[in-house]
Amino acid sequence: MQTELRLRILSGIVLAIVVLAATWFGGFTFRLLASAIGLLVYYEWSTITRMPETDFRANAFGWFSVGIIALLVVFGIDEFALPVLIGATLIGVVYALALKGSGWLAGGIGYAGLTVISLAAIRGDTANGFAAMVFIFAVVWATDILAYFIGRAIGGPKLAPPISPGKTWSGAIGGAISAVIAGTLVHMIFFPLNGLWIPMIAFVLSVFSQVGDLFESFIKRRFGVKDSSRLIPGHGGVMDRVDGLVFACFAAFLIALGDALVSGAANAPAGVFLFGP
């Protein structure tokens, strides 16, 4: 057990250094990281749902679609990535409904593709993008860590027993409160706090982070899988580590996109939505 714990701690430190360094550099480095995460997420999704064995054609199309999205993001051609994602996902839906193909194809493309796009869009190439990503990291990590410890300390009614028997309402609420505090403090490091906008966003992103955790637990339970893969020593798979993060990024990106469309600033980086121009 001690050896496994040491391995878990060591790999966790290495992962944190890589992610934070890429976030600091931004630009091509972070876009490459976001694309790598998205491709690994699709690999694990397709493996969990057994698409390589049950529907080889669907899996090949999924790899092609997510690969194109990743390449567009890596080389900064972001304006085409979202239309490709929407088109490929719709093809996956039609394939499942009309040709009775794998129903997991559309979900895998949407999940992995939006992972790439949302991460890259939030970080962008600006200082505000860096601040936005650090803010989201703080919200997600505070949610994960404090929900675990508060849930164990207080216990009480289960949050979603059929999906994740260990999670409690006390942990979920404690994690959300901790995320609001952590996110607000991180924001105050970069900018003055004006009003309740940042605490509200931190709360929303914490809720989505917990939904992402439950969503991945549902997928794994549906297919009888303990870990999404064994790619990360001591931690399991990439999806096991980023499930909450990517859902928080989904929420931030989609809300930012909606805000940009309403305000007419469609080309504004998603990080501006959190911390202004």
C-alpha atoms as a PDB file:
ATOM      1  CA  MET A   1       0.000   0.000   0.000  1.00  0.00           C
ATOM      2  CA  GLN A   2       2.850   2.412   0.866  1.00  0.00           C
ATOM      3  CA  THR A   3       4.497   1.755  -2.490  1.00  0.00           C
ATOM      4  CA  GLU A   4       1.221   2.440  -4.304  1.00  0.00           C
ATOM      5  CA  LEU A   5       0.691   5.644  -2.313  1.00  0.00           C
ATOM      6  CA  ARG A   6       4.204   6.864  -3.107  1.00  0.00           C
ATOM      7  CA  LEU A   7       3.631   6.105  -6.792  1.00  0.00           C
ATOM      8  CA  ARG A   8       0.326   7.974  -6.686  1.00  0.00           C
ATOM      9  CA  ILE A   9       1.911  11.015  -5.021  1.00  0.00           C
ATOM     10  CA  LEU A  10       4.895  11.039  -7.401  1.00  0.00           C
ATOM     11  CA  SER A  11       2.807  10.752 -10.553  1.00  0.00           C
ATOM     12  CA  GLY A  12       0.421  13.387  -9.187  1.00  0.00           C
ATOM     13  CA  ILE A  13       3.295  15.825  -8.658  1.00  0.00           C
ATOM     14  CA  VAL A  14       4.648  15.176 -12.164  1.00  0.00           C
ATOM     15  CA  LEU A  15       1.197  15.703 -13.686  1.00  0.00           C
ATOM     16  CA  ALA A  16       0.675  18.927 -11.757  1.00  0.00           C
ATOM     17  CA  ILE A  17       4.060  20.283 -12.885  1.00  0.00           C
ATOM     18  CA  VAL A  18       3.373  19.452 -16.541  1.00  0.00           C
ATOM     19  CA  VAL A  19      -0.127  20.950 -16.506  1.00  0.00           C
ATOM     20  CA  LEU A  20       0.847  24.107 -14.632  1.00  0.00           C
ATOM     21  CA  ALA A  21       3.938  24.639 -16.805  1.00  0.00           C
ATOM     22  CA  ALA A  22       1.878  24.277 -20.000  1.00  0.00           C
ATOM     23  CA  THR A  23      -0.731  26.642 -18.549  1.00  0.00           C
ATOM     24  CA  TRP A  24       1.987  29.189 -17.772  1.00  0.00           C
ATOM     25  CA  PHE A  25       3.469  29.073 -21.277  1.00  0.00           C
ATOM     26  CA  GLY A  26       0.075  29.004 -23.006  1.00  0.00           C
ATOM     27  CA  GLY A  27      -0.016  29.290 -26.783  1.00  0.00           C
ATOM     28  CA  PHE A  28       1.109  26.283 -28.775  1.00  0.00           C
ATOM     29  CA  THR A  29       2.296  24.437 -25.641  1.00  0.00           C
ATOM     30  CA  PHE A  30      -1.093  24.535 -23.958  1.00  0.00           C
ATOM     31  CA  ARG A  31      -2.988  23.824 -27.183  1.00  0.00           C
ATOM     32  CA  LEU A  32      -0.798  20.732 -27.601  1.00  0.00           C
ATOM     33  CA  LEU A  33      -1.600  19.646 -24.043  1.00  0.00           C
ATOM     34  CA  ALA A  34      -5.340  20.215 -24.564  1.00  0.00           C
ATOM     35  CA  SER A  35      -5.254  18.186 -27.773  1.00  0.00           C
ATOM     36  CA  ALA A  36      -3.324  15.354 -26.124  1.00  0.00           C
ATOM     37  CA  ILE A  37      -5.844  15.236 -23.274  1.00  0.00           C
ATOM     38  CA  GLY A  38      -8.741  15.137 -25.747  1.00  0.00           C
ATOM     39  CA  LEU A  39      -7.211  12.317 -27.780  1.00  0.00           C
ATOM     40  CA  LEU A  40      -6.481  10.281 -24.649  1.00  0.00           C
ATOM     41  CA  VAL A  41     -10.038  10.901 -23.433  1.00  0.00           C
ATOM     42  CA  TYR A  42     -11.393   9.539 -26.713  1.00  0.00           C
ATOM     43  CA  TYR A  43      -9.081   6.519 -26.461  1.00  0.00           C
ATOM     44  CA  GLU A  44     -10.394   5.736 -22.989  1.00  0.00           C
ATOM     45  CA  TRP A  45     -14.013   6.428 -23.943  1.00  0.00           C
ATOM     46  CA  SER A  46     -13.842   4.096 -26.925  1.00  0.00           C
ATOM     47  CA  THR A  47     -12.074   1.441 -24.848  1.00  0.00           C
ATOM     48  CA  ILE A  48     -14.598   1.613 -22.006  1.00  0.00           C
ATOM     49  CA  THR A  49     -17.558   1.442 -24.408  1.00  0.00           C
ATOM     50  CA  ARG A  50     -15.816  -1.343 -26.379  1.00  0.00           C
ATOM     51  CA  MET A  51     -16.230   0.366 -29.748  1.00  0.00           C
ATOM     52  CA  PRO A  52     -13.067  -1.153 -31.269  1.00  0.00           C
ATOM     53  CA  GLU A  53     -14.630  -4.624 -30.886  1.00  0.00           C
ATOM     54  CA  THR A  54     -18.314  -3.838 -31.424  1.00  0.00           C
ATOM     55  CA  ASP A  55     -18.236  -1.153 -34.123  1.00  0.00           C
ATOM     56  CA  PHE A  56     -14.878  -0.674 -35.825  1.00  0.00           C
ATOM     57  CA  ARG A  57     -16.242   1.774 -38.440  1.00  0.00           C
ATOM     58  CA  ALA A  58     -17.737   4.033 -35.796  1.00  0.00           C
ATOM     59  CA  ASN A  59     -14.514   3.998 -33.804  1.00  0.00           C
ATOM     60  CA  ALA A  60     -12.438   4.869 -36.878  1.00  0.00           C
ATOM     61  CA  PHE A  61     -14.725   7.804 -37.654  1.00  0.00           C
ATOM     62  CA  GLY A  62     -14.494   8.928 -34.029  1.00  0.00           C
ATOM     63  CA  TRP A  63     -10.698   8.887 -34.126  1.00  0.00           C
ATOM     64  CA  PHE A  64     -10.722  10.788 -37.425  1.00  0.00           C
ATOM     65  CA  SER A  65     -13.105  13.446 -36.095  1.00  0.00           C
ATOM     66  CA  VAL A  66     -11.333  14.039 -32.795  1.00  0.00           C
ATOM     67  CA  GLY A  67      -7.970  13.980 -34.603  1.00  0.00           C
ATOM     68  CA  ILE A  68      -9.099  16.727 -37.004  1.00  0.00           C
ATOM     69  CA  ILE A  69     -10.391  18.828 -34.102  1.00  0.00           C
ATOM     70  CA  ALA A  70      -7.099  18.352 -32.250  1.00  0.00           C
ATOM     71  CA  LEU A  71      -5.049  19.385 -35.289  1.00  0.00           C
ATOM     72  CA  LEU A  72      -7.185  22.483 -35.864  1.00  0.00           C
ATOM     73  CA  VAL A  73      -6.701  23.533 -32.250  1.00  0.00           C
ATOM     74  CA  VAL A  74      -2.966  22.771 -32.153  1.00  0.00           C
ATOM     75  CA  PHE A  75      -2.334  24.959 -35.192  1.00  0.00           C
ATOM     76  CA  GLY A  76      -4.612  27.735 -33.960  1.00  0.00           C
ATOM     77  CA  ILE A  77      -7.398  27.315 -36.522  1.00  0.00           C
ATOM     78  CA  ASP A  78      -9.956  27.447 -33.723  1.00  0.00           C
ATOM     79  CA  GLU A  79     -12.792  28.950 -35.763  1.00  0.00           C
ATOM     80  CA  PHE A  80     -13.261  25.662 -37.631  1.00  0.00           C
ATOM     81  CA  ALA A  81     -12.947  23.324 -34.638  1.00  0.00           C
ATOM     82  CA  LEU A  82     -16.423  23.898 -33.184  1.00  0.00           C
ATOM     83  CA  PRO A  83     -18.274  23.480 -36.522  1.00  0.00           C
ATOM     84  CA  VAL A  84     -16.334  20.242 -37.130  1.00  0.00           C
ATOM     85  CA  LEU A  85     -17.293  19.043 -33.645  1.00  0.00           C
ATOM     86  CA  ILE A  86     -20.978  19.823 -34.179  1.00  0.00           C
ATOM     87  CA  GLY A  87     -21.019  18.214 -37.628  1.00  0.00           C
ATOM     88  CA  ALA A  88     -19.204  15.062 -36.537  1.00  0.00           C
ATOM     89  CA  THR A  89     -21.429  14.680 -33.467  1.00  0.00           C
ATOM     90  CA  LEU A  90     -24.564  15.012 -35.602  1.00  0.00           C
ATOM     91  CA  ILE A  91     -23.213  12.384 -37.998  1.00  0.00           C
ATOM     92  CA  GLY A  92     -22.701  10.131 -34.992  1.00  0.00           C
ATOM     93  CA  VAL A  93     -26.308  10.666 -33.924  1.00  0.00           C
ATOM     94  CA  VAL A  94     -27.624   9.925 -37.439  1.00  0.00           C
ATOM     95  CA  TYR A  95     -25.400   6.852 -37.647  1.00  0.00           C
ATOM     96  CA  ALA A  96     -26.824   5.516 -34.399  1.00  0.00           C
ATOM     97  CA  LEU A  97     -30.459   6.241 -35.262  1.00  0.00           C
ATOM     98  CA  ALA A  98     -30.584   5.435 -38.978  1.00  0.00           C
ATOM     99  CA  LEU A  99     -28.012   2.653 -39.292  1.00  0.00           C
ATOM    100  CA  LYS A 100     -28.327   1.205 -35.784  1.00  0.00           C
ATOM    101  CA  GLY A 101     -24.627   1.812 -35.166  1.00  0.00           C
ATOM    102  CA  SER A 102     -22.914   2.489 -31.879  1.00  0.00           C
ATOM    103  CA  GLY A 103     -24.825   4.973 -29.777  1.00  0.00           C
ATOM    104  CA  TRP A 104     -21.614   5.810 -27.940  1.00  0.00           C
ATOM    105  CA  LEU A 105     -19.945   7.334 -31.000  1.00  0.00           C
ATOM    106  CA  ALA A 106     -21.619  10.736 -30.782  1.00  0.00           C
ATOM    107  CA  GLY A 107     -20.991  10.912 -27.043  1.00  0.00           C
ATOM    108  CA  GLY A 108     -17.307  10.121 -27.449  1.00  0.00           C
ATOM    109  CA  ILE A 109     -16.797  12.717 -30.177  1.00  0.00           C
ATOM    110  CA  GLY A 110     -18.681  15.357 -28.207  1.00  0.00           C
ATOM    111  CA  TYR A 111     -16.934  14.609 -24.927  1.00  0.00           C
ATOM    112  CA  ALA A 112     -13.391  14.418 -26.292  1.00  0.00           C
ATOM    113  CA  GLY A 113     -13.796  17.157 -28.899  1.00  0.00           C
ATOM    114  CA  LEU A 114     -15.296  19.659 -26.474  1.00  0.00           C
ATOM    115  CA  THR A 115     -12.500  18.837 -24.034  1.00  0.00           C
ATOM    116  CA  VAL A 116      -9.931  20.020 -26.574  1.00  0.00           C
ATOM    117  CA  ILE A 117     -11.875  23.091 -27.654  1.00  0.00           C
ATOM    118  CA  SER A 118     -12.941  24.339 -24.224  1.00  0.00           C
ATOM    119  CA  LEU A 119      -9.512  23.953 -22.593  1.00  0.00           C
ATOM    120  CA  ALA A 120      -7.750  25.751 -25.439  1.00  0.00           C
ATOM    121  CA  ALA A 121     -10.396  28.481 -25.701  1.00  0.00           C
ATOM    122  CA  ILE A 122     -10.313  29.331 -22.005  1.00  0.00           C
ATOM    123  CA  ARG A 123      -6.503  29.519 -21.803  1.00  0.00           C
ATOM    124  CA  GLY A 124      -6.117  31.353 -25.092  1.00  0.00           C
ATOM    125  CA  ASP A 125      -2.974  33.467 -25.493  1.00  0.00           C
ATOM    126  CA  THR A 126      -3.673  36.192 -22.952  1.00  0.00           C
ATOM    127  CA  ALA A 127      -2.787  36.879 -19.324  1.00  0.00           C
ATOM    128  CA  ASN A 128      -6.493  36.772 -18.517  1.00  0.00           C
ATOM    129  CA  GLY A 129      -6.627  33.283 -20.010  1.00  0.00           C
ATOM    130  CA  PHE A 130      -3.902  32.161 -17.629  1.00  0.00           C
ATOM    131  CA  ALA A 131      -5.801  33.660 -14.697  1.00  0.00           C
ATOM    132  CA  ALA A 132      -9.014  31.978 -15.880  1.00  0.00           C
ATOM    133  CA  MET A 133      -7.379  28.539 -16.039  1.00  0.00           C
ATOM    134  CA  VAL A 134      -5.798  28.930 -12.593  1.00  0.00           C
ATOM    135  CA  PHE A 135      -9.228  29.990 -11.302  1.00  0.00           C
ATOM    136  CA  ILE A 136     -10.832  26.850 -12.756  1.00  0.00           C
ATOM    137  CA  PHE A 137      -8.043  24.640 -11.386  1.00  0.00           C
ATOM    138  CA  ALA A 138      -8.618  26.126  -7.926  1.00  0.00           C
ATOM    139  CA  VAL A 139     -12.377  25.585  -8.139  1.00  0.00           C
ATOM    140  CA  VAL A 140     -12.095  21.981  -9.348  1.00  0.00           C
ATOM    141  CA  TRP A 141      -9.284  20.939  -7.000  1.00  0.00           C
ATOM    142  CA  ALA A 142     -10.993  22.530  -3.989  1.00  0.00           C
ATOM    143  CA  THR A 143     -14.215  20.760  -4.932  1.00  0.00           C
ATOM    144  CA  ASP A 144     -12.520  17.363  -5.272  1.00  0.00           C
ATOM    145  CA  ILE A 145     -10.356  17.521  -2.168  1.00  0.00           C
ATOM    146  CA  LEU A 146     -12.764  19.143   0.279  1.00  0.00           C
ATOM    147  CA  ALA A 147     -15.776  17.144  -0.921  1.00  0.00           C
ATOM    148  CA  TYR A 148     -13.846  13.974  -0.105  1.00  0.00           C
ATOM    149  CA  PHE A 149     -12.711  15.036   3.365  1.00  0.00           C
ATOM    150  CA  ILE A 150     -15.919  16.799   4.398  1.00  0.00           C
ATOM    151  CA  GLY A 151     -18.012  13.886   3.138  1.00  0.00           C
ATOM    152  CA  ARG A 152     -15.957  11.426   5.157  1.00  0.00           C
ATOM    153  CA  ALA A 153     -16.028  13.614   8.263  1.00  0.00           C
ATOM    154  CA  ILE A 154     -19.753  14.430   8.258  1.00  0.00           C
ATOM    155  CA  GLY A 155     -21.306  11.589   6.252  1.00  0.00           C
ATOM    156  CA  GLY A 156     -25.071  11.673   5.922  1.00  0.00           C
ATOM    157  CA  PRO A 157     -27.418  11.049   2.975  1.00  0.00           C
ATOM    158  CA  LYS A 158     -25.842   9.714  -0.209  1.00  0.00           C
ATOM    159  CA  LEU A 159     -25.681  11.961  -3.250  1.00  0.00           C
ATOM    160  CA  ALA A 160     -26.190   9.355  -5.980  1.00  0.00           C
ATOM    161  CA  PRO A 161     -25.977   5.812  -4.502  1.00  0.00           C
ATOM    162  CA  PRO A 162     -26.638   3.889  -7.757  1.00  0.00           C
ATOM    163  CA  ILE A 163     -23.787   5.719  -9.505  1.00  0.00           C
ATOM    164  CA  SER A 164     -21.214   6.529  -6.824  1.00  0.00           C
ATOM    165  CA  PRO A 165     -22.080   5.072  -3.404  1.00  0.00           C
ATOM    166  CA  GLY A 166     -19.292   6.920  -1.593  1.00  0.00           C
ATOM    167  CA  LYS A 167     -20.452  10.457  -2.361  1.00  0.00           C
ATOM    168  CA  THR A 168     -22.645  12.340   0.103  1.00  0.00           C
ATOM    169  CA  TRP A 169     -24.682  15.526   0.054  1.00  0.00           C
ATOM    170  CA  SER A 170     -22.505  16.912   2.843  1.00  0.00           C
ATOM    171  CA  GLY A 171     -19.425  16.367   0.695  1.00  0.00           C
ATOM    172  CA  ALA A 172     -21.064  17.930  -2.358  1.00  0.00           C
ATOM    173  CA  ILE A 173     -22.167  21.024  -0.440  1.00  0.00           C
ATOM    174  CA  GLY A 174     -18.854  21.303   1.394  1.00  0.00           C
ATOM    175  CA  GLY A 175     -16.962  20.953  -1.885  1.00  0.00           C
ATOM    176  CA  ALA A 176     -19.053  23.682  -3.514  1.00  0.00           C
ATOM    177  CA  ILE A 177     -18.543  26.088  -0.600  1.00  0.00           C
ATOM    178  CA  SER A 178     -14.808  25.365  -0.629  1.00  0.00           C
ATOM    179  CA  ALA A 179     -14.706  25.994  -4.384  1.00  0.00           C
ATOM    180  CA  VAL A 180     -16.392  29.383  -3.966  1.00  0.00           C
ATOM    181  CA  ILE A 181     -13.831  30.373  -1.329  1.00  0.00           C
ATOM    182  CA  ALA A 182     -10.838  29.080  -3.328  1.00  0.00           C
ATOM    183  CA  GLY A 183     -12.026  30.577  -6.617  1.00  0.00           C
ATOM    184  CA  THR A 184     -12.719  33.949  -5.027  1.00  0.00           C
ATOM    185  CA  LEU A 185      -9.301  34.032  -3.366  1.00  0.00           C
ATOM    186  CA  VAL A 186      -7.547  33.144  -6.620  1.00  0.00           C
ATOM    187  CA  HIS A 187      -9.480  35.838  -8.470  1.00  0.00           C
ATOM    188  CA  MET A 188      -8.463  38.406  -5.836  1.00  0.00           C
ATOM    189  CA  ILE A 189      -4.795  37.563  -6.470  1.00  0.00           C
ATOM    190  CA  PHE A 190      -5.187  38.769 -10.049  1.00  0.00           C
ATOM    191  CA  PHE A 191      -7.964  41.382  -9.891  1.00  0.00           C
ATOM    192  CA  PRO A 192     -10.093  43.308  -7.399  1.00  0.00           C
ATOM    193  CA  LEU A 193     -13.356  41.596  -6.506  1.00  0.00           C
ATOM    194  CA  ASN A 194     -16.451  43.475  -7.637  1.00  0.00           C
ATOM    195  CA  GLY A 195     -19.816  42.041  -6.671  1.00  0.00           C
ATOM    196  CA  LEU A 196     -20.967  38.432  -6.569  1.00  0.00           C
ATOM    197  CA  TRP A 197     -20.196  37.465 -10.179  1.00  0.00           C
ATOM    198  CA  ILE A 198     -17.021  35.488  -9.412  1.00  0.00           C
ATOM    199  CA  PRO A 199     -18.439  33.589  -6.392  1.00  0.00           C
ATOM    200  CA  MET A 200     -21.506  32.706  -8.499  1.00  0.00           C
ATOM    201  CA  ILE A 201     -19.355  31.428 -11.368  1.00  0.00           C
ATOM    202  CA  ALA A 202     -17.198  29.438  -8.935  1.00  0.00           C
ATOM    203  CA  PHE A 203     -20.327  27.808  -7.517  1.00  0.00           C
ATOM    204  CA  VAL A 204     -21.687  26.927 -10.976  1.00  0.00           C
ATOM    205  CA  LEU A 205     -18.362  25.474 -12.100  1.00  0.00           C
ATOM    206  CA  SER A 206     -18.111  23.446  -8.878  1.00  0.00           C
ATOM    207  CA  VAL A 207     -21.549  21.955  -9.527  1.00  0.00           C
ATOM    208  CA  PHE A 208     -20.563  21.056 -13.096  1.00  0.00           C
ATOM    209  CA  SER A 209     -17.307  19.582 -11.836  1.00  0.00           C
ATOM    210  CA  GLN A 210     -19.249  17.251  -9.556  1.00  0.00           C
ATOM    211  CA  VAL A 211     -21.659  16.391 -12.367  1.00  0.00           C
ATOM    212  CA  GLY A 212     -18.645  15.479 -14.519  1.00  0.00           C
ATOM    213  CA  ASP A 213     -17.359  13.184 -11.788  1.00  0.00           C
ATOM    214  CA  LEU A 214     -20.749  11.467 -11.520  1.00  0.00           C
ATOM    215  CA  PHE A 215     -21.030  11.215 -15.309  1.00  0.00           C
ATOM    216  CA  GLU A 216     -17.754   9.342 -15.600  1.00  0.00           C
ATOM    217  CA  SER A 217     -18.743   7.099 -12.688  1.00  0.00           C
ATOM    218  CA  PHE A 218     -21.981   6.310 -14.516  1.00  0.00           C
ATOM    219  CA  ILE A 219     -20.129   5.357 -17.713  1.00  0.00           C
ATOM    220  CA  LYS A 220     -17.686   3.120 -15.850  1.00  0.00           C
ATOM    221  CA  ARG A 221     -20.457   1.464 -13.813  1.00  0.00           C
ATOM    222  CA  ARG A 222     -22.495   0.950 -16.989  1.00  0.00           C
ATOM    223  CA  PHE A 223     -19.648  -1.093 -18.486  1.00  0.00           C
ATOM    224  CA  GLY A 224     -18.313  -2.643 -15.279  1.00  0.00           C
ATOM    225  CA  VAL A 225     -14.972  -0.812 -15.367  1.00  0.00           C
ATOM    226  CA  LYS A 226     -13.043   0.314 -12.277  1.00  0.00           C
ATOM    227  CA  ASP A 227     -10.627   2.758 -13.948  1.00  0.00           C
ATOM    228  CA  SER A 228     -10.865   4.438 -17.336  1.00  0.00           C
ATOM    229  CA  SER A 229      -7.405   3.007 -18.144  1.00  0.00           C
ATOM    230  CA  ARG A 230      -3.988   2.459 -16.547  1.00  0.00           C
ATOM    231  CA  LEU A 231      -2.187   5.266 -18.333  1.00  0.00           C
ATOM    232  CA  ILE A 232      -1.320   7.173 -15.141  1.00  0.00           C
ATOM    233  CA  PRO A 233       0.561   5.125 -12.509  1.00  0.00           C
ATOM    234  CA  GLY A 234      -1.369   5.028  -9.253  1.00  0.00           C
ATOM    235  CA  HIS A 235      -4.230   7.131 -10.619  1.00  0.00           C
ATOM    236  CA  GLY A 236      -5.909   5.077 -13.321  1.00  0.00           C
ATOM    237  CA  GLY A 237      -6.730   6.890 -16.531  1.00  0.00           C
ATOM    238  CA  VAL A 238      -6.875  10.415 -17.898  1.00  0.00           C
ATOM    239  CA  MET A 239     -10.670  10.538 -17.628  1.00  0.00           C
ATOM    240  CA  ASP A 240     -10.374   9.592 -13.952  1.00  0.00           C
ATOM    241  CA  ARG A 241      -8.261  12.695 -13.370  1.00  0.00           C
ATOM    242  CA  VAL A 242      -9.941  15.267 -15.635  1.00  0.00           C
ATOM    243  CA  ASP A 243     -13.639  14.333 -15.458  1.00  0.00           C
ATOM    244  CA  GLY A 244     -14.500  17.234 -13.159  1.00  0.00           C
ATOM    245  CA  LEU A 245     -12.089  19.634 -14.861  1.00  0.00           C
ATOM    246  CA  VAL A 246     -13.439  19.119 -18.357  1.00  0.00           C
ATOM    247  CA  PHE A 247     -17.072  19.508 -17.268  1.00  0.00           C
ATOM    248  CA  ALA A 248     -16.172  22.742 -15.474  1.00  0.00           C
ATOM    249  CA  CYS A 249     -14.425  23.899 -18.664  1.00  0.00           C
ATOM    250  CA  PHE A 250     -17.441  22.833 -20.743  1.00  0.00           C
ATOM    251  CA  ALA A 251     -19.642  25.028 -18.571  1.00  0.00           C
ATOM    252  CA  ALA A 252     -17.269  28.012 -18.635  1.00  0.00           C
ATOM    253  CA  PHE A 253     -16.771  27.757 -22.393  1.00  0.00           C
ATOM    254  CA  LEU A 254     -20.464  27.388 -23.274  1.00  0.00           C
ATOM    255  CA  ILE A 255     -21.546  30.198 -20.953  1.00  0.00           C
ATOM    256  CA  ALA A 256     -18.767  32.385 -22.377  1.00  0.00           C
ATOM    257  CA  LEU A 257     -19.874  31.512 -25.899  1.00  0.00           C
ATOM    258  CA  GLY A 258     -23.461  32.421 -25.103  1.00  0.00           C
ATOM    259  CA  ASP A 259     -22.366  35.667 -23.458  1.00  0.00           C
ATOM    260  CA  ALA A 260     -20.211  36.549 -26.464  1.00  0.00           C
ATOM    261  CA  LEU A 261     -23.052  35.913 -28.909  1.00  0.00           C
ATOM    262  CA  VAL A 262     -25.470  38.031 -26.889  1.00  0.00           C
ATOM    263  CA  SER A 263     -22.999  40.883 -26.457  1.00  0.00           C
ATOM    264  CA  GLY A 264     -21.783  40.707 -30.050  1.00  0.00           C
ATOM    265  CA  ALA A 265     -18.185  39.961 -29.019  1.00  0.00           C
ATOM    266  CA  ALA A 266     -18.069  36.584 -30.772  1.00  0.00           C
ATOM    267  CA  ASN A 267     -14.296  36.721 -31.229  1.00  0.00           C
ATOM    268  CA  ALA A 268     -13.456  37.503 -27.609  1.00  0.00           C
ATOM    269  CA  PRO A 269     -11.366  34.839 -25.812  1.00  0.00           C
ATOM    270  CA  ALA A 270     -13.332  32.719 -23.358  1.00  0.00           C
ATOM    271  CA  GLY A 271     -11.023  33.819 -20.538  1.00  0.00           C
ATOM    272  CA  VAL A 272     -12.320  37.378 -20.973  1.00  0.00           C
ATOM    273  CA  PHE A 273     -15.747  36.139 -19.899  1.00  0.00           C
ATOM    274  CA  LEU A 274     -14.359  35.400 -16.440  1.00  0.00           C
ATOM    275  CA  PHE A 275     -11.967  38.291 -15.902  1.00  0.00           C
ATOM    276  CA  GLY A 276     -12.859  41.021 -18.366  1.00  0.00           C
ATOM    277  CA  PRO A 277     -10.836  42.495 -21.246  1.00  0.00           C
END
